[in-house]
Every structure is written in C-alpha cells, then in structure tokens.
C-alpha cells in the first residue's frame, strides 16, 4: 500500500502495487498509472485514507517520543531493503529505481 497526506505521483518506470491500495488524504492528487494486482485500488480523500492519515500522525508522534535512533532515507528508495525501524525523509520519496522491500526479519508483527 502507498498512502500519503498530499499527493502520490507515479512517474517514469511502470509501478506495480500488489495487494494494497494507493491513497491520499486529505489531498486528492494521484498521478501516473500504476498497475494493480490482487484487488488493489485507488482511494482519493476516502475514509480509509483519512483513517490512515490520522493513524500515521498518531503513530509518528508515538515513535518519535520513544525512539532510540532514526535512519535517514534517501530520496530514491527503489531497489532498497528496509528492516524494522523508524525512517525519516526531509523530502519527497521516489520509488522509480526498482522494488522497495520491507523485511520484517521473520518477525510475525515487526
């Protein structure tokens, strides 16, 4: 799933969303044409995106209150693998250079 507060842009390389939604709330800007697999879809300013946006803000505040460290993210994260942790970016994040892998290190709920 890809969710953002203001906009999601798929530019250049064909992006595939497998089994998740693309959502924006409170914004409505989703540009580009990702391929969807496994029942995924687009949610513009919908309740699911609104709920997600509120949850993200709450989760972010909680994570920042107890974090021991954070990892700075590159602007281009395509082709990278991320393990459990708190990541931050001071700018837009780009997925154009390949698959982004979220590796839970075999934990059932990292």
PDB file of N, CA and C in Angstrom:
ATOM      1  N   UNK A   1       0.838  -1.184   0.000  1.00  0.00           N
ATOM      2  CA  UNK A   1       0.000   0.000   0.000  1.00  0.00           C
ATOM      3  C   UNK A   1       0.880   1.244   0.000  1.00  0.00           C
ATOM      4  N   UNK A   2       0.409   2.260  -0.653  1.00  0.00           N
ATOM      5  CA  UNK A   2       1.081   3.557  -0.673  1.00  0.00           C
ATOM      6  C   UNK A   2       0.041   4.587  -0.253  1.00  0.00           C
ATOM      7  N   UNK A   3       0.302   5.287   0.850  1.00  0.00           N
ATOM      8  CA  UNK A   3      -0.621   6.316   1.317  1.00  0.00           C
ATOM      9  C   UNK A   3       0.173   7.570   1.655  1.00  0.00           C
ATOM     10  N   UNK A   4      -0.402   8.714   1.350  1.00  0.00           N
ATOM     11  CA  UNK A   4       0.249   9.989   1.630  1.00  0.00           C
ATOM     12  C   UNK A   4      -0.812  11.005   2.042  1.00  0.00           C
ATOM     13  N   UNK A   5      -0.362  12.107   2.620  1.00  0.00           N
ATOM     14  CA  UNK A   5      -1.301  13.148   3.045  1.00  0.00           C
ATOM     15  C   UNK A   5      -1.651  14.110   1.909  1.00  0.00           C
ATOM     16  N   UNK A   6      -0.727  14.360   0.988  1.00  0.00           N
ATOM     17  CA  UNK A   6      -0.995  15.379  -0.024  1.00  0.00           C
ATOM     18  C   UNK A   6      -1.055  14.837  -1.443  1.00  0.00           C
ATOM     19  N   UNK A   7      -0.064  14.049  -1.872  1.00  0.00           N
ATOM     20  CA  UNK A   7      -0.048  13.582  -3.259  1.00  0.00           C
ATOM     21  C   UNK A   7       0.796  12.328  -3.403  1.00  0.00           C
ATOM     22  N   UNK A   8       0.437  11.504  -4.375  1.00  0.00           N
ATOM     23  CA  UNK A   8       1.249  10.355  -4.779  1.00  0.00           C
ATOM     24  C   UNK A   8       1.436  10.488  -6.278  1.00  0.00           C
ATOM     25  N   UNK A   9       2.685  10.417  -6.729  1.00  0.00           N
ATOM     26  CA  UNK A   9       2.985  10.539  -8.155  1.00  0.00           C
ATOM     27  C   UNK A   9       3.773   9.332  -8.614  1.00  0.00           C
ATOM     28  N   UNK A  10       3.272   8.664  -9.636  1.00  0.00           N
ATOM     29  CA  UNK A  10       3.984   7.562 -10.274  1.00  0.00           C
ATOM     30  C   UNK A  10       4.499   8.105 -11.594  1.00  0.00           C
ATOM     31  N   UNK A  11       5.813   8.255 -11.705  1.00  0.00           N
ATOM     32  CA  UNK A  11       6.388   8.852 -12.910  1.00  0.00           C
ATOM     33  C   UNK A  11       7.483   7.953 -13.456  1.00  0.00           C
ATOM     34  N   UNK A  12       7.603   7.929 -14.760  1.00  0.00           N
ATOM     35  CA  UNK A  12       8.697   7.188 -15.371  1.00  0.00           C
ATOM     36  C   UNK A  12       8.423   5.699 -15.449  1.00  0.00           C
ATOM     37  N   UNK A  13       9.135   4.920 -14.667  1.00  0.00           N
ATOM     38  CA  UNK A  13       9.068   3.466 -14.697  1.00  0.00           C
ATOM     39  C   UNK A  13       7.679   2.990 -14.264  1.00  0.00           C
ATOM     40  N   UNK A  14       7.189   1.927 -14.901  1.00  0.00           N
ATOM     41  CA  UNK A  14       5.896   1.344 -14.517  1.00  0.00           C
ATOM     42  C   UNK A  14       5.959   0.814 -13.088  1.00  0.00           C
ATOM     43  N   UNK A  15       5.029   1.242 -12.258  1.00  0.00           N
ATOM     44  CA  UNK A  15       4.951   0.793 -10.875  1.00  0.00           C
ATOM     45  C   UNK A  15       3.844  -0.237 -10.745  1.00  0.00           C
ATOM     46  N   UNK A  16       4.074  -1.262  -9.940  1.00  0.00           N
ATOM     47  CA  UNK A  16       3.062  -2.276  -9.684  1.00  0.00           C
ATOM     48  C   UNK A  16       2.752  -2.299  -8.198  1.00  0.00           C
ATOM     49  N   UNK A  17       1.486  -2.184  -7.852  1.00  0.00           N
ATOM     50  CA  UNK A  17       1.020  -2.270  -6.473  1.00  0.00           C
ATOM     51  C   UNK A  17       0.373  -3.638  -6.331  1.00  0.00           C
ATOM     52  N   UNK A  18       0.939  -4.480  -5.474  1.00  0.00           N
ATOM     53  CA  UNK A  18       0.465  -5.844  -5.315  1.00  0.00           C
ATOM     54  C   UNK A  18      -0.261  -5.998  -3.982  1.00  0.00           C
ATOM     55  N   UNK A  19      -1.587  -6.126  -4.042  1.00  0.00           N
ATOM     56  CA  UNK A  19      -2.374  -6.399  -2.850  1.00  0.00           C
ATOM     57  C   UNK A  19      -2.538  -5.245  -1.900  1.00  0.00           C
ATOM     58  N   UNK A  20      -2.426  -4.023  -2.359  1.00  0.00           N
ATOM     59  CA  UNK A  20      -2.601  -2.865  -1.487  1.00  0.00           C
ATOM     60  C   UNK A  20      -3.194  -1.707  -2.245  1.00  0.00           C
ATOM     61  N   UNK A  21      -3.634  -0.712  -1.529  1.00  0.00           N
ATOM     62  CA  UNK A  21      -4.247   0.466  -2.129  1.00  0.00           C
ATOM     63  C   UNK A  21      -3.229   1.581  -2.303  1.00  0.00           C
ATOM     64  N   UNK A  22      -3.605   2.558  -3.117  1.00  0.00           N
ATOM     65  CA  UNK A  22      -2.902   3.826  -3.207  1.00  0.00           C
ATOM     66  C   UNK A  22      -3.899   4.858  -2.725  1.00  0.00           C
ATOM     67  N   UNK A  23      -3.538   5.598  -1.670  1.00  0.00           N
ATOM     68  CA  UNK A  23      -4.491   6.537  -1.108  1.00  0.00           C
ATOM     69  C   UNK A  23      -3.861   7.858  -0.730  1.00  0.00           C
ATOM     70  N   UNK A  24      -4.696   8.902  -0.744  1.00  0.00           N
ATOM     71  CA  UNK A  24      -4.274  10.242  -0.369  1.00  0.00           C
ATOM     72  C   UNK A  24      -5.391  10.870   0.461  1.00  0.00           C
ATOM     73  N   UNK A  25      -5.013  11.458   1.599  1.00  0.00           N
ATOM     74  CA  UNK A  25      -5.988  12.186   2.403  1.00  0.00           C
ATOM     75  C   UNK A  25      -5.233  13.119   3.333  1.00  0.00           C
ATOM     76  N   UNK A  26      -5.590  14.373   3.403  1.00  0.00           N
ATOM     77  CA  UNK A  26      -6.792  14.997   2.880  1.00  0.00           C
ATOM     78  C   UNK A  26      -6.679  15.409   1.410  1.00  0.00           C
ATOM     79  N   UNK A  27      -5.552  15.200   0.787  1.00  0.00           N
ATOM     80  CA  UNK A  27      -5.384  15.573  -0.612  1.00  0.00           C
ATOM     81  C   UNK A  27      -6.133  14.645  -1.543  1.00  0.00           C
ATOM     82  N   UNK A  28      -6.091  14.936  -2.837  1.00  0.00           N
ATOM     83  CA  UNK A  28      -6.751  14.098  -3.836  1.00  0.00           C
ATOM     84  C   UNK A  28      -5.862  13.846  -5.047  1.00  0.00           C
ATOM     85  N   UNK A  29      -4.583  14.255  -4.986  1.00  0.00           N
ATOM     86  CA  UNK A  29      -3.716  14.170  -6.161  1.00  0.00           C
ATOM     87  C   UNK A  29      -3.004  12.827  -6.237  1.00  0.00           C
ATOM     88  N   UNK A  30      -3.429  11.996  -7.181  1.00  0.00           N
ATOM     89  CA  UNK A  30      -2.729  10.758  -7.516  1.00  0.00           C
ATOM     90  C   UNK A  30      -2.520  10.803  -9.016  1.00  0.00           C
ATOM     91  N   UNK A  31      -1.254  10.877  -9.437  1.00  0.00           N
ATOM     92  CA  UNK A  31      -0.961  10.985 -10.862  1.00  0.00           C
ATOM     93  C   UNK A  31      -0.104   9.816 -11.302  1.00  0.00           C
ATOM     94  N   UNK A  32      -0.141   9.531 -12.599  1.00  0.00           N
ATOM     95  CA  UNK A  32       0.576   8.392 -13.144  1.00  0.00           C
ATOM     96  C   UNK A  32      -0.364   7.209 -13.263  1.00  0.00           C
ATOM     97  N   UNK A  33       0.157   6.088 -13.715  1.00  0.00           N
ATOM     98  CA  UNK A  33      -0.696   4.932 -13.969  1.00  0.00           C
ATOM     99  C   UNK A  33      -0.044   3.652 -13.454  1.00  0.00           C
ATOM    100  N   UNK A  34      -0.135   3.403 -12.145  1.00  0.00           N
ATOM    101  CA  UNK A  34       0.425   2.159 -11.638  1.00  0.00           C
ATOM    102  C   UNK A  34      -0.427   0.961 -12.065  1.00  0.00           C
ATOM    103  N   UNK A  35       0.189  -0.203 -12.156  1.00  0.00           N
ATOM    104  CA  UNK A  35      -0.551  -1.437 -12.409  1.00  0.00           C
ATOM    105  C   UNK A  35      -0.958  -2.013 -11.057  1.00  0.00           C
ATOM    106  N   UNK A  36      -2.191  -2.493 -10.967  1.00  0.00           N
ATOM    107  CA  UNK A  36      -2.680  -3.054  -9.717  1.00  0.00           C
ATOM    108  C   UNK A  36      -2.846  -4.561  -9.855  1.00  0.00           C
ATOM    109  N   UNK A  37      -2.423  -5.296  -8.829  1.00  0.00           N
ATOM    110  CA  UNK A  37      -2.595  -6.744  -8.778  1.00  0.00           C
ATOM    111  C   UNK A  37      -3.226  -7.106  -7.446  1.00  0.00           C
ATOM    112  N   UNK A  38      -3.993  -8.166  -7.416  1.00  0.00           N
ATOM    113  CA  UNK A  38      -4.523  -8.672  -6.162  1.00  0.00           C
ATOM    114  C   UNK A  38      -5.608  -7.825  -5.534  1.00  0.00           C
ATOM    115  N   UNK A  39      -6.425  -7.153  -6.333  1.00  0.00           N
ATOM    116  CA  UNK A  39      -7.558  -6.414  -5.800  1.00  0.00           C
ATOM    117  C   UNK A  39      -7.242  -5.035  -5.266  1.00  0.00           C
ATOM    118  N   UNK A  40      -6.091  -4.490  -5.574  1.00  0.00           N
ATOM    119  CA  UNK A  40      -5.725  -3.157  -5.099  1.00  0.00           C
ATOM    120  C   UNK A  40      -6.509  -2.091  -5.852  1.00  0.00           C
ATOM    121  N   UNK A  41      -6.534  -0.882  -5.323  1.00  0.00           N
ATOM    122  CA  UNK A  41      -7.257   0.197  -5.971  1.00  0.00           C
ATOM    123  C   UNK A  41      -6.797   1.557  -5.507  1.00  0.00           C
ATOM    124  N   UNK A  42      -7.482   2.587  -5.978  1.00  0.00           N
ATOM    125  CA  UNK A  42      -7.151   3.973  -5.667  1.00  0.00           C
ATOM    126  C   UNK A  42      -8.187   4.536  -4.702  1.00  0.00           C
ATOM    127  N   UNK A  43      -7.713   5.236  -3.663  1.00  0.00           N
ATOM    128  CA  UNK A  43      -8.583   5.858  -2.667  1.00  0.00           C
ATOM    129  C   UNK A  43      -8.213   7.333  -2.567  1.00  0.00           C
ATOM    130  N   UNK A  44      -9.031   8.223  -3.146  1.00  0.00           N
ATOM    131  CA  UNK A  44      -8.782   9.665  -3.074  1.00  0.00           C
ATOM    132  C   UNK A  44      -9.685  10.278  -2.024  1.00  0.00           C
ATOM    133  N   UNK A  45      -9.070  10.836  -0.986  1.00  0.00           N
ATOM    134  CA  UNK A  45      -9.792  11.513   0.095  1.00  0.00           C
ATOM    135  C   UNK A  45     -10.956  10.661   0.602  1.00  0.00           C
ATOM    136  N   UNK A  46     -10.727   9.352   0.682  1.00  0.00           N
ATOM    137  CA  UNK A  46     -11.746   8.414   1.153  1.00  0.00           C
ATOM    138  C   UNK A  46     -11.544   8.141   2.637  1.00  0.00           C
ATOM    139  N   UNK A  47     -12.520   7.515   3.249  1.00  0.00           N
ATOM    140  CA  UNK A  47     -12.438   7.262   4.688  1.00  0.00           C
ATOM    141  C   UNK A  47     -11.240   6.400   5.044  1.00  0.00           C
ATOM    142  N   UNK A  48     -10.900   5.411   4.195  1.00  0.00           N
ATOM    143  CA  UNK A  48      -9.748   4.561   4.508  1.00  0.00           C
ATOM    144  C   UNK A  48      -8.463   5.383   4.522  1.00  0.00           C
ATOM    145  N   UNK A  49      -8.320   6.310   3.588  1.00  0.00           N
ATOM    146  CA  UNK A  49      -7.132   7.158   3.559  1.00  0.00           C
ATOM    147  C   UNK A  49      -7.146   8.167   4.692  1.00  0.00           C
ATOM    148  N   UNK A  50      -8.309   8.677   5.020  1.00  0.00           N
ATOM    149  CA  UNK A  50      -8.428   9.617   6.124  1.00  0.00           C
ATOM    150  C   UNK A  50      -8.063   8.943   7.441  1.00  0.00           C
ATOM    151  N   UNK A  51      -8.563   7.731   7.650  1.00  0.00           N
ATOM    152  CA  UNK A  51      -8.235   6.964   8.854  1.00  0.00           C
ATOM    153  C   UNK A  51      -6.749   6.666   8.894  1.00  0.00           C
ATOM    154  N   UNK A  52      -6.195   6.295   7.739  1.00  0.00           N
ATOM    155  CA  UNK A  52      -4.760   6.023   7.652  1.00  0.00           C
ATOM    156  C   UNK A  52      -3.961   7.270   8.011  1.00  0.00           C
ATOM    157  N   UNK A  53      -4.330   8.416   7.455  1.00  0.00           N
ATOM    158  CA  UNK A  53      -3.594   9.658   7.716  1.00  0.00           C
ATOM    159  C   UNK A  53      -3.599   9.993   9.203  1.00  0.00           C
ATOM    160  N   UNK A  54      -4.747   9.843   9.854  1.00  0.00           N
ATOM    161  CA  UNK A  54      -4.833  10.119  11.292  1.00  0.00           C
ATOM    162  C   UNK A  54      -3.983   9.130  12.081  1.00  0.00           C
ATOM    163  N   UNK A  55      -4.008   7.861  11.689  1.00  0.00           N
ATOM    164  CA  UNK A  55      -3.220   6.840  12.370  1.00  0.00           C
ATOM    165  C   UNK A  55      -1.731   7.092  12.209  1.00  0.00           C
ATOM    166  N   UNK A  56      -1.336   7.547  11.015  1.00  0.00           N
ATOM    167  CA  UNK A  56       0.076   7.828  10.774  1.00  0.00           C
ATOM    168  C   UNK A  56       0.565   8.943  11.690  1.00  0.00           C
ATOM    169  N   UNK A  57      -0.219  10.000  11.816  1.00  0.00           N
ATOM    170  CA  UNK A  57       0.194  11.109  12.683  1.00  0.00           C
ATOM    171  C   UNK A  57       0.332  10.654  14.132  1.00  0.00           C
ATOM    172  N   UNK A  58      -0.613   9.862  14.599  1.00  0.00           N
ATOM    173  CA  UNK A  58      -0.559   9.342  15.968  1.00  0.00           C
ATOM    174  C   UNK A  58       0.639   8.417  16.143  1.00  0.00           C
ATOM    175  N   UNK A  59       0.834   7.514  15.183  1.00  0.00           N
ATOM    176  CA  UNK A  59       1.951   6.574  15.254  1.00  0.00           C
ATOM    177  C   UNK A  59       3.291   7.288  15.173  1.00  0.00           C
ATOM    178  N   UNK A  60       3.386   8.290  14.304  1.00  0.00           N
ATOM    179  CA  UNK A  60       4.625   9.046  14.166  1.00  0.00           C
ATOM    180  C   UNK A  60       4.976   9.746  15.477  1.00  0.00           C
ATOM    181  N   UNK A  61       3.987  10.400  16.080  1.00  0.00           N
ATOM    182  CA  UNK A  61       4.237  11.095  17.347  1.00  0.00           C
ATOM    183  C   UNK A  61       4.692  10.109  18.424  1.00  0.00           C
ATOM    184  N   UNK A  62       4.055   8.942  18.486  1.00  0.00           N
ATOM    185  CA  UNK A  62       4.443   7.926  19.468  1.00  0.00           C
ATOM    186  C   UNK A  62       5.847   7.399  19.199  1.00  0.00           C
ATOM    187  N   UNK A  63       6.169   7.158  17.941  1.00  0.00           N
ATOM    188  CA  UNK A  63       7.503   6.649  17.588  1.00  0.00           C
ATOM    189  C   UNK A  63       8.590   7.669  17.913  1.00  0.00           C
ATOM    190  N   UNK A  64       8.327   8.932  17.637  1.00  0.00           N
ATOM    191  CA  UNK A  64       9.323   9.960  17.917  1.00  0.00           C
ATOM    192  C   UNK A  64       9.526  10.149  19.421  1.00  0.00           C
ATOM    193  N   UNK A  65       8.484   9.890  20.207  1.00  0.00           N
ATOM    194  CA  UNK A  65       8.586  10.056  21.660  1.00  0.00           C
ATOM    195  C   UNK A  65       9.460   8.976  22.303  1.00  0.00           C
ATOM    196  N   UNK A  66       9.524   7.790  21.707  1.00  0.00           N
ATOM    197  CA  UNK A  66      10.248   6.677  22.341  1.00  0.00           C
ATOM    198  C   UNK A  66      11.441   6.189  21.528  1.00  0.00           C
ATOM    199  N   UNK A  67      11.717   6.810  20.411  1.00  0.00           N
ATOM    200  CA  UNK A  67      12.769   6.296  19.527  1.00  0.00           C
ATOM    201  C   UNK A  67      14.139   6.388  20.186  1.00  0.00           C
ATOM    202  N   UNK A  68      14.969   5.421  19.856  1.00  0.00           N
ATOM    203  CA  UNK A  68      16.354   5.488  20.300  1.00  0.00           C
ATOM    204  C   UNK A  68      17.235   6.000  19.174  1.00  0.00           C
ATOM    205  N   UNK A  69      16.781   5.804  17.953  1.00  0.00           N
ATOM    206  CA  UNK A  69      17.503   6.328  16.800  1.00  0.00           C
ATOM    207  C   UNK A  69      16.562   6.347  15.605  1.00  0.00           C
ATOM    208  N   UNK A  70      16.910   7.120  14.619  1.00  0.00           N
ATOM    209  CA  UNK A  70      16.170   7.110  13.368  1.00  0.00           C
ATOM    210  C   UNK A  70      17.173   6.953  12.247  1.00  0.00           C
ATOM    211  N   UNK A  71      16.680   6.514  11.113  1.00  0.00           N
ATOM    212  CA  UNK A  71      17.519   6.322   9.939  1.00  0.00           C
ATOM    213  C   UNK A  71      17.071   7.309   8.877  1.00  0.00           C
ATOM    214  N   UNK A  72      18.000   8.087   8.366  1.00  0.00           N
ATOM    215  CA  UNK A  72      17.675   8.999   7.278  1.00  0.00           C
ATOM    216  C   UNK A  72      17.483   8.183   6.009  1.00  0.00           C
ATOM    217  N   UNK A  73      16.462   8.519   5.235  1.00  0.00           N
ATOM    218  CA  UNK A  73      16.175   7.815   3.995  1.00  0.00           C
ATOM    219  C   UNK A  73      16.676   8.627   2.815  1.00  0.00           C
ATOM    220  N   UNK A  74      17.128   7.909   1.810  1.00  0.00           N
ATOM    221  CA  UNK A  74      17.463   8.559   0.550  1.00  0.00           C
ATOM    222  C   UNK A  74      16.164   8.993  -0.123  1.00  0.00           C
ATOM    223  N   UNK A  75      16.252   9.958  -1.009  1.00  0.00           N
ATOM    224  CA  UNK A  75      15.062  10.388  -1.744  1.00  0.00           C
ATOM    225  C   UNK A  75      14.629   9.290  -2.701  1.00  0.00           C
ATOM    226  N   UNK A  76      15.563   8.596  -3.335  1.00  0.00           N
ATOM    227  CA  UNK A  76      15.249   7.455  -4.211  1.00  0.00           C
ATOM    228  C   UNK A  76      15.428   6.187  -3.396  1.00  0.00           C
ATOM    229  N   UNK A  77      14.334   5.461  -3.145  1.00  0.00           N
ATOM    230  CA  UNK A  77      14.440   4.253  -2.330  1.00  0.00           C
ATOM    231  C   UNK A  77      14.165   2.983  -3.129  1.00  0.00           C
ATOM    232  N   UNK A  78      13.909   3.123  -4.429  1.00  0.00           N
ATOM    233  CA  UNK A  78      13.719   1.939  -5.263  1.00  0.00           C
ATOM    234  C   UNK A  78      14.967   1.075  -5.223  1.00  0.00           C
ATOM    235  N   UNK A  79      14.772  -0.241  -5.073  1.00  0.00           N
ATOM    236  CA  UNK A  79      15.892  -1.170  -5.028  1.00  0.00           C
ATOM    237  C   UNK A  79      16.457  -1.374  -3.633  1.00  0.00           C
ATOM    238  N   UNK A  80      15.940  -0.653  -2.634  1.00  0.00           N
ATOM    239  CA  UNK A  80      16.459  -0.777  -1.271  1.00  0.00           C
ATOM    240  C   UNK A  80      15.606  -1.726  -0.440  1.00  0.00           C
ATOM    241  N   UNK A  81      16.211  -2.262   0.635  1.00  0.00           N
ATOM    242  CA  UNK A  81      15.509  -3.097   1.602  1.00  0.00           C
ATOM    243  C   UNK A  81      15.528  -2.397   2.947  1.00  0.00           C
ATOM    244  N   UNK A  82      14.373  -2.336   3.602  1.00  0.00           N
ATOM    245  CA  UNK A  82      14.258  -1.702   4.904  1.00  0.00           C
ATOM    246  C   UNK A  82      13.887  -2.741   5.951  1.00  0.00           C
ATOM    247  N   UNK A  83      14.577  -2.714   7.071  1.00  0.00           N
ATOM    248  CA  UNK A  83      14.274  -3.577   8.204  1.00  0.00           C
ATOM    249  C   UNK A  83      13.484  -2.756   9.227  1.00  0.00           C
ATOM    250  N   UNK A  84      12.906  -3.395  10.255  1.00  0.00           N
ATOM    251  CA  UNK A  84      12.121  -2.636  11.221  1.00  0.00           C
ATOM    252  C   UNK A  84      12.915  -1.466  11.803  1.00  0.00           C
ATOM    253  N   UNK A  85      12.263  -0.354  11.920  1.00  0.00           N
ATOM    254  CA  UNK A  85      12.902   0.840  12.454  1.00  0.00           C
ATOM    255  C   UNK A  85      12.081   2.064  12.147  1.00  0.00           C
ATOM    256  N   UNK A  86      12.560   3.189  12.556  1.00  0.00           N
ATOM    257  CA  UNK A  86      11.908   4.461  12.287  1.00  0.00           C
ATOM    258  C   UNK A  86      12.730   5.171  11.220  1.00  0.00           C
ATOM    259  N   UNK A  87      12.094   5.484  10.113  1.00  0.00           N
ATOM    260  CA  UNK A  87      12.769   6.127   8.995  1.00  0.00           C
ATOM    261  C   UNK A  87      12.176   7.504   8.784  1.00  0.00           C
ATOM    262  N   UNK A  88      12.999   8.430   8.296  1.00  0.00           N
ATOM    263  CA  UNK A  88      12.515   9.776   8.050  1.00  0.00           C
ATOM    264  C   UNK A  88      13.102  10.302   6.748  1.00  0.00           C
ATOM    265  N   UNK A  89      12.386  11.208   6.136  1.00  0.00           N
ATOM    266  CA  UNK A  89      12.865  11.855   4.927  1.00  0.00           C
ATOM    267  C   UNK A  89      12.475  13.322   5.003  1.00  0.00           C
ATOM    268  N   UNK A  90      13.374  14.181   4.618  1.00  0.00           N
ATOM    269  CA  UNK A  90      13.089  15.604   4.620  1.00  0.00           C
ATOM    270  C   UNK A  90      12.474  16.081   3.324  1.00  0.00           C
ATOM    271  N   UNK A  91      12.151  15.128   2.435  1.00  0.00           N
ATOM    272  CA  UNK A  91      11.668  15.497   1.118  1.00  0.00           C
ATOM    273  C   UNK A  91      10.755  14.399   0.589  1.00  0.00           C
ATOM    274  N   UNK A  92      10.306  14.569  -0.642  1.00  0.00           N
ATOM    275  CA  UNK A  92       9.502  13.537  -1.297  1.00  0.00           C
ATOM    276  C   UNK A  92      10.335  12.270  -1.458  1.00  0.00           C
ATOM    277  N   UNK A  93       9.672  11.130  -1.468  1.00  0.00           N
ATOM    278  CA  UNK A  93      10.351   9.847  -1.613  1.00  0.00           C
ATOM    279  C   UNK A  93       9.990   9.276  -2.970  1.00  0.00           C
ATOM    280  N   UNK A  94      10.992   8.798  -3.708  1.00  0.00           N
ATOM    281  CA  UNK A  94      10.802   8.271  -5.046  1.00  0.00           C
ATOM    282  C   UNK A  94      11.013   6.763  -5.045  1.00  0.00           C
ATOM    283  N   UNK A  95      10.145   6.018  -5.769  1.00  0.00           N
ATOM    284  CA  UNK A  95      10.223   4.570  -5.872  1.00  0.00           C
ATOM    285  C   UNK A  95      10.599   4.118  -7.285  1.00  0.00           C
ATOM    286  N   UNK A  96      11.126   4.965  -8.130  1.00  0.00           N
ATOM    287  CA  UNK A  96      11.276   4.669  -9.551  1.00  0.00           C
ATOM    288  C   UNK A  96      12.355   3.662  -9.898  1.00  0.00           C
ATOM    289  N   UNK A  97      13.363   3.474  -9.066  1.00  0.00           N
ATOM    290  CA  UNK A  97      14.521   2.670  -9.461  1.00  0.00           C
ATOM    291  C   UNK A  97      14.386   1.186  -9.157  1.00  0.00           C
ATOM    292  N   UNK A  98      13.221   0.715  -8.772  1.00  0.00           N
ATOM    293  CA  UNK A  98      13.058  -0.715  -8.536  1.00  0.00           C
ATOM    294  C   UNK A  98      12.137  -1.009  -7.378  1.00  0.00           C
ATOM    295  N   UNK A  99      12.136  -2.269  -6.986  1.00  0.00           N
ATOM    296  CA  UNK A  99      11.267  -2.747  -5.914  1.00  0.00           C
ATOM    297  C   UNK A  99      11.764  -2.268  -4.560  1.00  0.00           C
ATOM    298  N   UNK A 100      10.850  -1.841  -3.715  1.00  0.00           N
ATOM    299  CA  UNK A 100      11.159  -1.494  -2.335  1.00  0.00           C
ATOM    300  C   UNK A 100      10.741  -2.694  -1.488  1.00  0.00           C
ATOM    301  N   UNK A 101      11.681  -3.218  -0.704  1.00  0.00           N
ATOM    302  CA  UNK A 101      11.413  -4.402   0.111  1.00  0.00           C
ATOM    303  C   UNK A 101      11.355  -4.020   1.582  1.00  0.00           C
ATOM    304  N   UNK A 102      10.268  -4.424   2.247  1.00  0.00           N
ATOM    305  CA  UNK A 102      10.126  -4.242   3.693  1.00  0.00           C
ATOM    306  C   UNK A 102      10.376  -5.599   4.319  1.00  0.00           C
ATOM    307  N   UNK A 103      11.512  -5.755   4.985  1.00  0.00           N
ATOM    308  CA  UNK A 103      11.940  -7.028   5.550  1.00  0.00           C
ATOM    309  C   UNK A 103      11.698  -7.030   7.050  1.00  0.00           C
ATOM    310  N   UNK A 104      10.725  -7.805   7.499  1.00  0.00           N
ATOM    311  CA  UNK A 104      10.393  -7.899   8.913  1.00  0.00           C
ATOM    312  C   UNK A 104      11.312  -8.809   9.697  1.00  0.00           C
ATOM    313  N   UNK A 105      12.374  -9.294   9.075  1.00  0.00           N
ATOM    314  CA  UNK A 105      13.351 -10.168   9.719  1.00  0.00           C
ATOM    315  C   UNK A 105      12.691 -11.379  10.363  1.00  0.00           C
ATOM    316  N   UNK A 106      11.708 -11.942   9.664  1.00  0.00           N
ATOM    317  CA  UNK A 106      10.984 -13.142  10.092  1.00  0.00           C
ATOM    318  C   UNK A 106      10.205 -12.968  11.379  1.00  0.00           C
ATOM    319  N   UNK A 107       9.953 -11.729  11.775  1.00  0.00           N
ATOM    320  CA  UNK A 107       9.119 -11.468  12.950  1.00  0.00           C
ATOM    321  C   UNK A 107       7.658 -11.486  12.507  1.00  0.00           C
ATOM    322  N   UNK A 108       6.747 -12.044  13.309  1.00  0.00           N
ATOM    323  CA  UNK A 108       5.343 -12.108  12.895  1.00  0.00           C
ATOM    324  C   UNK A 108       4.662 -10.752  12.832  1.00  0.00           C
ATOM    325  N   UNK A 109       5.108  -9.785  13.634  1.00  0.00           N
ATOM    326  CA  UNK A 109       4.481  -8.463  13.643  1.00  0.00           C
ATOM    327  C   UNK A 109       5.529  -7.430  14.033  1.00  0.00           C
ATOM    328  N   UNK A 110       6.473  -7.148  13.114  1.00  0.00           N
ATOM    329  CA  UNK A 110       7.589  -6.239  13.492  1.00  0.00           C
ATOM    330  C   UNK A 110       7.137  -4.824  13.729  1.00  0.00           C
TER     331      UNK A 110
END
